[in-house]
Amino acid sequence: MPQTILVGCGAALGALARFALSTILGGGALPLLLINVVGSAVMGYTKPSAFWGTGVLGGFTSFATFAFLTSGFDPAQAGAYVLATVVGCTGAYLLGDVSRRPA
């Protein structure tokens, strides 16, 4: 199966997982932040293939949803949410990367 189809199928699975988890958690900005941070940590820890990384985790951690939610905030809230997302996701990725390495 061509890699583009595998990545597309993975992205669909990731988006469905994000939607389901976001719905269970009540929707909104905080669940999305949690989803993006967890997805970043998993990516840092596993260093996944294209199907799991670009596909599943790419669909699970959605920048489009982040941008849409952020655009509805006032400037102070938007700045705080962007900062929390950048710091949280980068930190989670780095923590995942460091934690998978043997001591």
PDB file of N, CA and C in Angstrom:
ATOM      1  N   MET A   1       0.852  -1.172   0.000  1.00  0.00           N
ATOM      2  CA  MET A   1       0.000   0.000   0.000  1.00  0.00           C
ATOM      3  C   MET A   1       0.904   1.242   0.000  1.00  0.00           C
ATOM      4  N   PRO A   2       0.647   2.192  -0.885  1.00  0.00           N
ATOM      5  CA  PRO A   2       1.484   3.397  -0.925  1.00  0.00           C
ATOM      6  C   PRO A   2       1.462   4.137   0.418  1.00  0.00           C
ATOM      7  N   GLN A   3       2.590   4.760   0.732  1.00  0.00           N
ATOM      8  CA  GLN A   3       2.732   5.442   2.015  1.00  0.00           C
ATOM      9  C   GLN A   3       1.689   6.540   2.197  1.00  0.00           C
ATOM     10  N   THR A   4       1.313   7.229   1.125  1.00  0.00           N
ATOM     11  CA  THR A   4       0.325   8.306   1.269  1.00  0.00           C
ATOM     12  C   THR A   4      -1.019   7.769   1.749  1.00  0.00           C
ATOM     13  N   ILE A   5      -1.399   6.591   1.293  1.00  0.00           N
ATOM     14  CA  ILE A   5      -2.663   5.991   1.731  1.00  0.00           C
ATOM     15  C   ILE A   5      -2.548   5.568   3.195  1.00  0.00           C
ATOM     16  N   LEU A   6      -1.396   5.010   3.580  1.00  0.00           N
ATOM     17  CA  LEU A   6      -1.190   4.619   4.973  1.00  0.00           C
ATOM     18  C   LEU A   6      -1.253   5.832   5.904  1.00  0.00           C
ATOM     19  N   VAL A   7      -0.600   6.916   5.512  1.00  0.00           N
ATOM     20  CA  VAL A   7      -0.614   8.133   6.330  1.00  0.00           C
ATOM     21  C   VAL A   7      -2.036   8.688   6.407  1.00  0.00           C
ATOM     22  N   GLY A   8      -2.748   8.694   5.301  1.00  0.00           N
ATOM     23  CA  GLY A   8      -4.135   9.181   5.293  1.00  0.00           C
ATOM     24  C   GLY A   8      -5.038   8.347   6.183  1.00  0.00           C
ATOM     25  N   CYS A   9      -4.880   7.038   6.146  1.00  0.00           N
ATOM     26  CA  CYS A   9      -5.677   6.159   7.017  1.00  0.00           C
ATOM     27  C   CYS A   9      -5.322   6.406   8.483  1.00  0.00           C
ATOM     28  N   GLY A  10      -4.031   6.578   8.757  1.00  0.00           N
ATOM     29  CA  GLY A  10      -3.603   6.880  10.122  1.00  0.00           C
ATOM     30  C   GLY A  10      -4.177   8.201  10.605  1.00  0.00           C
ATOM     31  N   ALA A  11      -4.165   9.219   9.731  1.00  0.00           N
ATOM     32  CA  ALA A  11      -4.702  10.533  10.102  1.00  0.00           C
ATOM     33  C   ALA A  11      -6.197  10.439  10.414  1.00  0.00           C
ATOM     34  N   ALA A  12      -6.908   9.643   9.643  1.00  0.00           N
ATOM     35  CA  ALA A  12      -8.341   9.460   9.917  1.00  0.00           C
ATOM     36  C   ALA A  12      -8.552   8.810  11.277  1.00  0.00           C
ATOM     37  N   LEU A  13      -7.762   7.793  11.593  1.00  0.00           N
ATOM     38  CA  LEU A  13      -7.872   7.141  12.904  1.00  0.00           C
ATOM     39  C   LEU A  13      -7.535   8.107  14.033  1.00  0.00           C
ATOM     40  N   GLY A  14      -6.486   8.902  13.846  1.00  0.00           N
ATOM     41  CA  GLY A  14      -6.094   9.872  14.869  1.00  0.00           C
ATOM     42  C   GLY A  14      -7.160  10.934  15.086  1.00  0.00           C
ATOM     43  N   ALA A  15      -7.751  11.413  13.995  1.00  0.00           N
ATOM     44  CA  ALA A  15      -8.802  12.431  14.114  1.00  0.00           C
ATOM     45  C   ALA A  15     -10.030  11.865  14.824  1.00  0.00           C
ATOM     46  N   LEU A  16     -10.376  10.629  14.529  1.00  0.00           N
ATOM     47  CA  LEU A  16     -11.508  10.000  15.221  1.00  0.00           C
ATOM     48  C   LEU A  16     -11.208   9.820  16.708  1.00  0.00           C
ATOM     49  N   ALA A  17      -9.980   9.441  17.032  1.00  0.00           N
ATOM     50  CA  ALA A  17      -9.593   9.289  18.437  1.00  0.00           C
ATOM     51  C   ALA A  17      -9.641  10.642  19.154  1.00  0.00           C
ATOM     52  N   ARG A  18      -9.139  11.707  18.488  1.00  0.00           N
ATOM     53  CA  ARG A  18      -9.176  13.050  19.084  1.00  0.00           C
ATOM     54  C   ARG A  18     -10.615  13.488  19.320  1.00  0.00           C
ATOM     55  N   PHE A  19     -11.470  13.273  18.324  1.00  0.00           N
ATOM     56  CA  PHE A  19     -12.870  13.666  18.454  1.00  0.00           C
ATOM     57  C   PHE A  19     -13.540  12.921  19.613  1.00  0.00           C
ATOM     58  N   ALA A  20     -13.311  11.608  19.690  1.00  0.00           N
ATOM     59  CA  ALA A  20     -13.932  10.812  20.748  1.00  0.00           C
ATOM     60  C   ALA A  20     -13.432  11.245  22.120  1.00  0.00           C
ATOM     61  N   LEU A  21     -12.126  11.402  22.264  1.00  0.00           N
ATOM     62  CA  LEU A  21     -11.566  11.793  23.564  1.00  0.00           C
ATOM     63  C   LEU A  21     -12.002  13.203  23.947  1.00  0.00           C
ATOM     64  N   SER A  22     -12.021  14.109  22.984  1.00  0.00           N
ATOM     65  CA  SER A  22     -12.463  15.468  23.253  1.00  0.00           C
ATOM     66  C   SER A  22     -13.921  15.492  23.685  1.00  0.00           C
ATOM     67  N   THR A  23     -14.739  14.681  23.062  1.00  0.00           N
ATOM     68  CA  THR A  23     -16.155  14.592  23.427  1.00  0.00           C
ATOM     69  C   THR A  23     -16.311  14.033  24.835  1.00  0.00           C
ATOM     70  N   ILE A  24     -15.560  12.990  25.146  1.00  0.00           N
ATOM     71  CA  ILE A  24     -15.619  12.388  26.483  1.00  0.00           C
ATOM     72  C   ILE A  24     -15.192  13.398  27.542  1.00  0.00           C
ATOM     73  N   LEU A  25     -14.168  14.217  27.219  1.00  0.00           N
ATOM     74  CA  LEU A  25     -13.644  15.190  28.170  1.00  0.00           C
ATOM     75  C   LEU A  25     -14.440  16.495  28.189  1.00  0.00           C
ATOM     76  N   GLY A  26     -15.469  16.597  27.387  1.00  0.00           N
ATOM     77  CA  GLY A  26     -16.345  17.762  27.420  1.00  0.00           C
ATOM     78  C   GLY A  26     -16.032  18.846  26.399  1.00  0.00           C
ATOM     79  N   GLY A  27     -15.053  18.632  25.527  1.00  0.00           N
ATOM     80  CA  GLY A  27     -14.725  19.604  24.484  1.00  0.00           C
ATOM     81  C   GLY A  27     -14.083  20.861  25.034  1.00  0.00           C
ATOM     82  N   GLY A  28     -13.696  21.742  24.137  1.00  0.00           N
ATOM     83  CA  GLY A  28     -13.102  23.009  24.538  1.00  0.00           C
ATOM     84  C   GLY A  28     -11.587  23.004  24.498  1.00  0.00           C
ATOM     85  N   ALA A  29     -11.012  24.072  25.026  1.00  0.00           N
ATOM     86  CA  ALA A  29      -9.575  24.309  24.914  1.00  0.00           C
ATOM     87  C   ALA A  29      -8.742  23.404  25.818  1.00  0.00           C
ATOM     88  N   LEU A  30      -9.171  23.179  27.046  1.00  0.00           N
ATOM     89  CA  LEU A  30      -8.363  22.390  27.973  1.00  0.00           C
ATOM     90  C   LEU A  30      -8.195  20.942  27.522  1.00  0.00           C
ATOM     91  N   PRO A  31      -9.261  20.249  27.105  1.00  0.00           N
ATOM     92  CA  PRO A  31      -9.064  18.897  26.586  1.00  0.00           C
ATOM     93  C   PRO A  31      -8.158  18.869  25.352  1.00  0.00           C
ATOM     94  N   LEU A  32      -8.275  19.876  24.480  1.00  0.00           N
ATOM     95  CA  LEU A  32      -7.410  19.907  23.306  1.00  0.00           C
ATOM     96  C   LEU A  32      -5.959  20.096  23.721  1.00  0.00           C
ATOM     97  N   LEU A  33      -5.701  20.944  24.692  1.00  0.00           N
ATOM     98  CA  LEU A  33      -4.339  21.128  25.186  1.00  0.00           C
ATOM     99  C   LEU A  33      -3.801  19.805  25.724  1.00  0.00           C
ATOM    100  N   LEU A  34      -4.604  19.100  26.504  1.00  0.00           N
ATOM    101  CA  LEU A  34      -4.206  17.810  27.046  1.00  0.00           C
ATOM    102  C   LEU A  34      -3.910  16.816  25.925  1.00  0.00           C
ATOM    103  N   ILE A  35      -4.775  16.757  24.940  1.00  0.00           N
ATOM    104  CA  ILE A  35      -4.584  15.854  23.801  1.00  0.00           C
ATOM    105  C   ILE A  35      -3.287  16.184  23.064  1.00  0.00           C
ATOM    106  N   ASN A  36      -3.032  17.455  22.808  1.00  0.00           N
ATOM    107  CA  ASN A  36      -1.817  17.850  22.093  1.00  0.00           C
ATOM    108  C   ASN A  36      -0.560  17.546  22.899  1.00  0.00           C
ATOM    109  N   VAL A  37      -0.597  17.758  24.207  1.00  0.00           N
ATOM    110  CA  VAL A  37       0.562  17.472  25.052  1.00  0.00           C
ATOM    111  C   VAL A  37       0.815  15.959  25.111  1.00  0.00           C
ATOM    112  N   VAL A  38      -0.225  15.173  25.299  1.00  0.00           N
ATOM    113  CA  VAL A  38      -0.069  13.709  25.340  1.00  0.00           C
ATOM    114  C   VAL A  38       0.454  13.192  24.004  1.00  0.00           C
ATOM    115  N   GLY A  39      -0.105  13.675  22.907  1.00  0.00           N
ATOM    116  CA  GLY A  39       0.360  13.254  21.584  1.00  0.00           C
ATOM    117  C   GLY A  39       1.818  13.615  21.351  1.00  0.00           C
ATOM    118  N   SER A  40       2.223  14.785  21.811  1.00  0.00           N
ATOM    119  CA  SER A  40       3.625  15.202  21.673  1.00  0.00           C
ATOM    120  C   SER A  40       4.546  14.312  22.492  1.00  0.00           C
ATOM    121  N   ALA A  41       4.129  13.957  23.701  1.00  0.00           N
ATOM    122  CA  ALA A  41       4.935  13.066  24.544  1.00  0.00           C
ATOM    123  C   ALA A  41       5.069  11.688  23.905  1.00  0.00           C
ATOM    124  N   VAL A  42       3.976  11.173  23.354  1.00  0.00           N
ATOM    125  CA  VAL A  42       4.022   9.867  22.696  1.00  0.00           C
ATOM    126  C   VAL A  42       4.956   9.916  21.488  1.00  0.00           C
ATOM    127  N   MET A  43       4.880  11.003  20.727  1.00  0.00           N
ATOM    128  CA  MET A  43       5.766  11.117  19.566  1.00  0.00           C
ATOM    129  C   MET A  43       7.230  11.178  19.996  1.00  0.00           C
ATOM    130  N   GLY A  44       7.526  11.934  21.041  1.00  0.00           N
ATOM    131  CA  GLY A  44       8.896  12.018  21.526  1.00  0.00           C
ATOM    132  C   GLY A  44       9.398  10.694  22.057  1.00  0.00           C
ATOM    133  N   TYR A  45       8.532   9.942  22.723  1.00  0.00           N
ATOM    134  CA  TYR A  45       8.927   8.675  23.323  1.00  0.00           C
ATOM    135  C   TYR A  45       9.112   7.578  22.285  1.00  0.00           C
ATOM    136  N   THR A  46       8.208   7.517  21.301  1.00  0.00           N
ATOM    137  CA  THR A  46       8.208   6.382  20.371  1.00  0.00           C
ATOM    138  C   THR A  46       8.968   6.602  19.078  1.00  0.00           C
ATOM    139  N   LYS A  47       9.195   7.860  18.676  1.00  0.00           N
ATOM    140  CA  LYS A  47       9.807   8.142  17.367  1.00  0.00           C
ATOM    141  C   LYS A  47       9.132   7.274  16.291  1.00  0.00           C
ATOM    142  N   PRO A  48       7.831   7.494  16.084  1.00  0.00           N
ATOM    143  CA  PRO A  48       7.038   6.579  15.259  1.00  0.00           C
ATOM    144  C   PRO A  48       7.313   6.686  13.760  1.00  0.00           C
ATOM    145  N   SER A  49       6.838   5.654  13.066  1.00  0.00           N
ATOM    146  CA  SER A  49       6.893   5.621  11.599  1.00  0.00           C
ATOM    147  C   SER A  49       5.924   6.658  11.034  1.00  0.00           C
ATOM    148  N   ALA A  50       5.899   6.775   9.727  1.00  0.00           N
ATOM    149  CA  ALA A  50       5.019   7.751   9.071  1.00  0.00           C
ATOM    150  C   ALA A  50       3.542   7.469   9.381  1.00  0.00           C
ATOM    151  N   PHE A  51       3.141   6.200   9.388  1.00  0.00           N
ATOM    152  CA  PHE A  51       1.747   5.867   9.681  1.00  0.00           C
ATOM    153  C   PHE A  51       1.358   6.349  11.077  1.00  0.00           C
ATOM    154  N   TRP A  52       2.166   6.020  12.081  1.00  0.00           N
ATOM    155  CA  TRP A  52       1.854   6.386  13.459  1.00  0.00           C
ATOM    156  C   TRP A  52       2.167   7.842  13.759  1.00  0.00           C
ATOM    157  N   GLY A  53       3.254   8.369  13.225  1.00  0.00           N
ATOM    158  CA  GLY A  53       3.659   9.741  13.530  1.00  0.00           C
ATOM    159  C   GLY A  53       2.880  10.783  12.750  1.00  0.00           C
ATOM    160  N   THR A  54       3.145  10.850  11.450  1.00  0.00           N
ATOM    161  CA  THR A  54       2.462  11.826  10.601  1.00  0.00           C
ATOM    162  C   THR A  54       0.972  11.518  10.509  1.00  0.00           C
ATOM    163  N   GLY A  55       0.642  10.232  10.459  1.00  0.00           N
ATOM    164  CA  GLY A  55      -0.745   9.825  10.315  1.00  0.00           C
ATOM    165  C   GLY A  55      -1.542   9.914  11.608  1.00  0.00           C
ATOM    166  N   VAL A  56      -1.420   8.881  12.438  1.00  0.00           N
ATOM    167  CA  VAL A  56      -2.253   8.784  13.644  1.00  0.00           C
ATOM    168  C   VAL A  56      -2.018   9.962  14.589  1.00  0.00           C
ATOM    169  N   LEU A  57      -0.764  10.194  14.980  1.00  0.00           N
ATOM    170  CA  LEU A  57      -0.506  11.283  15.927  1.00  0.00           C
ATOM    171  C   LEU A  57      -0.716  12.655  15.292  1.00  0.00           C
ATOM    172  N   GLY A  58      -0.473  12.772  13.990  1.00  0.00           N
ATOM    173  CA  GLY A  58      -0.743  14.028  13.297  1.00  0.00           C
ATOM    174  C   GLY A  58      -2.231  14.356  13.289  1.00  0.00           C
ATOM    175  N   GLY A  59      -3.068  13.340  13.105  1.00  0.00           N
ATOM    176  CA  GLY A  59      -4.515  13.543  13.157  1.00  0.00           C
ATOM    177  C   GLY A  59      -5.018  13.727  14.580  1.00  0.00           C
ATOM    178  N   PHE A  60      -4.351  13.075  15.535  1.00  0.00           N
ATOM    179  CA  PHE A  60      -4.745  13.169  16.942  1.00  0.00           C
ATOM    180  C   PHE A  60      -4.443  14.559  17.505  1.00  0.00           C
ATOM    181  N   THR A  61      -3.282  15.099  17.180  1.00  0.00           N
ATOM    182  CA  THR A  61      -2.893  16.434  17.656  1.00  0.00           C
ATOM    183  C   THR A  61      -3.130  17.408  16.515  1.00  0.00           C
ATOM    184  N   SER A  62      -4.257  18.035  16.504  1.00  0.00           N
ATOM    185  CA  SER A  62      -4.669  18.832  15.354  1.00  0.00           C
ATOM    186  C   SER A  62      -4.380  20.314  15.529  1.00  0.00           C
ATOM    187  N   PHE A  63      -3.532  20.850  14.660  1.00  0.00           N
ATOM    188  CA  PHE A  63      -3.242  22.272  14.689  1.00  0.00           C
ATOM    189  C   PHE A  63      -4.459  23.085  14.234  1.00  0.00           C
ATOM    190  N   ALA A  64      -5.232  22.564  13.316  1.00  0.00           N
ATOM    191  CA  ALA A  64      -6.396  23.301  12.827  1.00  0.00           C
ATOM    192  C   ALA A  64      -7.400  23.538  13.958  1.00  0.00           C
ATOM    193  N   THR A  65      -7.637  22.530  14.774  1.00  0.00           N
ATOM    194  CA  THR A  65      -8.555  22.695  15.896  1.00  0.00           C
ATOM    195  C   THR A  65      -7.991  23.680  16.906  1.00  0.00           C
ATOM    196  N   PHE A  66      -6.693  23.601  17.158  1.00  0.00           N
ATOM    197  CA  PHE A  66      -6.013  24.547  18.045  1.00  0.00           C
ATOM    198  C   PHE A  66      -6.196  25.976  17.532  1.00  0.00           C
ATOM    199  N   ALA A  67      -5.968  26.197  16.246  1.00  0.00           N
ATOM    200  CA  ALA A  67      -6.095  27.537  15.667  1.00  0.00           C
ATOM    201  C   ALA A  67      -7.540  28.032  15.738  1.00  0.00           C
ATOM    202  N   PHE A  68      -8.487  27.159  15.470  1.00  0.00           N
ATOM    203  CA  PHE A  68      -9.895  27.538  15.516  1.00  0.00           C
ATOM    204  C   PHE A  68     -10.306  27.956  16.927  1.00  0.00           C
ATOM    205  N   LEU A  69      -9.939  27.158  17.912  1.00  0.00           N
ATOM    206  CA  LEU A  69     -10.297  27.503  19.292  1.00  0.00           C
ATOM    207  C   LEU A  69      -9.602  28.780  19.743  1.00  0.00           C
ATOM    208  N   THR A  70      -8.340  28.935  19.402  1.00  0.00           N
ATOM    209  CA  THR A  70      -7.582  30.116  19.812  1.00  0.00           C
ATOM    210  C   THR A  70      -8.171  31.389  19.212  1.00  0.00           C
ATOM    211  N   SER A  71      -8.680  31.312  17.997  1.00  0.00           N
ATOM    212  CA  SER A  71      -9.232  32.505  17.346  1.00  0.00           C
ATOM    213  C   SER A  71     -10.479  33.030  18.052  1.00  0.00           C
ATOM    214  N   GLY A  72     -11.110  32.208  18.872  1.00  0.00           N
ATOM    215  CA  GLY A  72     -12.298  32.638  19.594  1.00  0.00           C
ATOM    216  C   GLY A  72     -12.001  33.287  20.934  1.00  0.00           C
ATOM    217  N   PHE A  73     -10.740  33.322  21.346  1.00  0.00           N
ATOM    218  CA  PHE A  73     -10.355  33.907  22.629  1.00  0.00           C
ATOM    219  C   PHE A  73     -10.070  35.389  22.487  1.00  0.00           C
ATOM    220  N   ASP A  74     -10.137  36.106  23.613  1.00  0.00           N
ATOM    221  CA  ASP A  74      -9.668  37.492  23.592  1.00  0.00           C
ATOM    222  C   ASP A  74      -8.131  37.437  23.535  1.00  0.00           C
ATOM    223  N   PRO A  75      -7.467  38.544  23.198  1.00  0.00           N
ATOM    224  CA  PRO A  75      -6.012  38.509  23.004  1.00  0.00           C
ATOM    225  C   PRO A  75      -5.218  37.953  24.190  1.00  0.00           C
ATOM    226  N   ALA A  76      -5.582  38.275  25.407  1.00  0.00           N
ATOM    227  CA  ALA A  76      -4.838  37.771  26.568  1.00  0.00           C
ATOM    228  C   ALA A  76      -5.006  36.263  26.716  1.00  0.00           C
ATOM    229  N   GLN A  77      -6.231  35.776  26.552  1.00  0.00           N
ATOM    230  CA  GLN A  77      -6.476  34.334  26.632  1.00  0.00           C
ATOM    231  C   GLN A  77      -5.757  33.601  25.503  1.00  0.00           C
ATOM    232  N   ALA A  78      -5.815  34.166  24.293  1.00  0.00           N
ATOM    233  CA  ALA A  78      -5.159  33.541  23.145  1.00  0.00           C
ATOM    234  C   ALA A  78      -3.657  33.445  23.378  1.00  0.00           C
ATOM    235  N   GLY A  79      -3.053  34.505  23.862  1.00  0.00           N
ATOM    236  CA  GLY A  79      -1.614  34.483  24.135  1.00  0.00           C
ATOM    237  C   GLY A  79      -1.247  33.442  25.173  1.00  0.00           C
ATOM    238  N   ALA A  80      -2.034  33.364  26.244  1.00  0.00           N
ATOM    239  CA  ALA A  80      -1.771  32.384  27.293  1.00  0.00           C
ATOM    240  C   ALA A  80      -1.931  30.961  26.774  1.00  0.00           C
ATOM    241  N   TYR A  81      -2.953  30.734  25.946  1.00  0.00           N
ATOM    242  CA  TYR A  81      -3.201  29.389  25.420  1.00  0.00           C
ATOM    243  C   TYR A  81      -2.112  28.981  24.426  1.00  0.00           C
ATOM    244  N   VAL A  82      -1.705  29.912  23.588  1.00  0.00           N
ATOM    245  CA  VAL A  82      -0.621  29.616  22.635  1.00  0.00           C
ATOM    246  C   VAL A  82       0.657  29.289  23.403  1.00  0.00           C
ATOM    247  N   LEU A  83       0.982  30.091  24.402  1.00  0.00           N
ATOM    248  CA  LEU A  83       2.177  29.851  25.207  1.00  0.00           C
ATOM    249  C   LEU A  83       2.091  28.494  25.913  1.00  0.00           C
ATOM    250  N   ALA A  84       0.944  28.186  26.508  1.00  0.00           N
ATOM    251  CA  ALA A  84       0.773  26.894  27.186  1.00  0.00           C
ATOM    252  C   ALA A  84       0.923  25.731  26.207  1.00  0.00           C
ATOM    253  N   THR A  85       0.400  25.899  24.990  1.00  0.00           N
ATOM    254  CA  THR A  85       0.492  24.839  23.997  1.00  0.00           C
ATOM    255  C   THR A  85       1.931  24.645  23.526  1.00  0.00           C
ATOM    256  N   VAL A  86       2.607  25.732  23.201  1.00  0.00           N
ATOM    257  CA  VAL A  86       3.988  25.627  22.709  1.00  0.00           C
ATOM    258  C   VAL A  86       4.902  25.047  23.790  1.00  0.00           C
ATOM    259  N   VAL A  87       4.819  25.596  24.991  1.00  0.00           N
ATOM    260  CA  VAL A  87       5.676  25.115  26.086  1.00  0.00           C
ATOM    261  C   VAL A  87       5.291  23.685  26.469  1.00  0.00           C
ATOM    262  N   GLY A  88       3.994  23.428  26.598  1.00  0.00           N
ATOM    263  CA  GLY A  88       3.533  22.096  26.995  1.00  0.00           C
ATOM    264  C   GLY A  88       3.892  21.020  25.987  1.00  0.00           C
ATOM    265  N   CYS A  89       3.650  21.286  24.708  1.00  0.00           N
ATOM    266  CA  CYS A  89       3.921  20.279  23.675  1.00  0.00           C
ATOM    267  C   CYS A  89       5.420  20.070  23.465  1.00  0.00           C
ATOM    268  N   THR A  90       6.180  21.147  23.438  1.00  0.00           N
ATOM    269  CA  THR A  90       7.629  21.007  23.274  1.00  0.00           C
ATOM    270  C   THR A  90       8.232  20.296  24.481  1.00  0.00           C
ATOM    271  N   GLY A  91       7.806  20.698  25.670  1.00  0.00           N
ATOM    272  CA  GLY A  91       8.296  20.043  26.882  1.00  0.00           C
ATOM    273  C   GLY A  91       7.921  18.579  26.937  1.00  0.00           C
ATOM    274  N   ALA A  92       6.690  18.254  26.548  1.00  0.00           N
ATOM    275  CA  ALA A  92       6.244  16.860  26.556  1.00  0.00           C
ATOM    276  C   ALA A  92       7.025  16.021  25.551  1.00  0.00           C
ATOM    277  N   TYR A  93       7.283  16.576  24.374  1.00  0.00           N
ATOM    278  CA  TYR A  93       8.068  15.852  23.370  1.00  0.00           C
ATOM    279  C   TYR A  93       9.469  15.569  23.914  1.00  0.00           C
ATOM    280  N   LEU A  94      10.105  16.596  24.463  1.00  0.00           N
ATOM    281  CA  LEU A  94      11.456  16.428  24.987  1.00  0.00           C
ATOM    282  C   LEU A  94      11.482  15.457  26.162  1.00  0.00           C
ATOM    283  N   LEU A  95      10.499  15.530  27.041  1.00  0.00           N
ATOM    284  CA  LEU A  95      10.415  14.597  28.156  1.00  0.00           C
ATOM    285  C   LEU A  95      10.222  13.164  27.660  1.00  0.00           C
ATOM    286  N   GLY A  96       9.368  12.992  26.661  1.00  0.00           N
ATOM    287  CA  GLY A  96       9.183  11.664  26.068  1.00  0.00           C
ATOM    288  C   GLY A  96      10.452  11.143  25.450  1.00  0.00           C
ATOM    289  N   ASP A  97      11.179  12.010  24.759  1.00  0.00           N
ATOM    290  CA  ASP A  97      12.433  11.623  24.117  1.00  0.00           C
ATOM    291  C   ASP A  97      13.463  11.203  25.163  1.00  0.00           C
ATOM    292  N   VAL A  98      13.609  11.988  26.207  1.00  0.00           N
ATOM    293  CA  VAL A  98      14.589  11.689  27.254  1.00  0.00           C
ATOM    294  C   VAL A  98      14.208  10.431  28.024  1.00  0.00           C
ATOM    295  N   SER A  99      12.923  10.220  28.265  1.00  0.00           N
ATOM    296  CA  SER A  99      12.503   9.077  29.072  1.00  0.00           C
ATOM    297  C   SER A  99      12.646   7.745  28.347  1.00  0.00           C
ATOM    298  N   ARG A 100      12.739   7.740  27.046  1.00  0.00           N
ATOM    299  CA  ARG A 100      12.888   6.471  26.321  1.00  0.00           C
ATOM    300  C   ARG A 100      14.340   6.026  26.244  1.00  0.00           C
ATOM    301  N   ARG A 101      15.255   6.907  26.522  1.00  0.00           N
ATOM    302  CA  ARG A 101      16.673   6.581  26.470  1.00  0.00           C
ATOM    303  C   ARG A 101      17.090   5.808  27.729  1.00  0.00           C
ATOM    304  N   PRO A 102      17.954   4.812  27.550  1.00  0.00           N
ATOM    305  CA  PRO A 102      18.417   4.093  28.739  1.00  0.00           C
ATOM    306  C   PRO A 102      19.256   4.998  29.631  1.00  0.00           C
ATOM    307  N   ALA A 103      19.188   4.773  30.914  1.00  0.00           N
ATOM    308  CA  ALA A 103      19.912   5.606  31.880  1.00  0.00           C
ATOM    309  C   ALA A 103      21.393   5.357  31.878  1.00  0.00           C
TER     310      ALA A 103
END
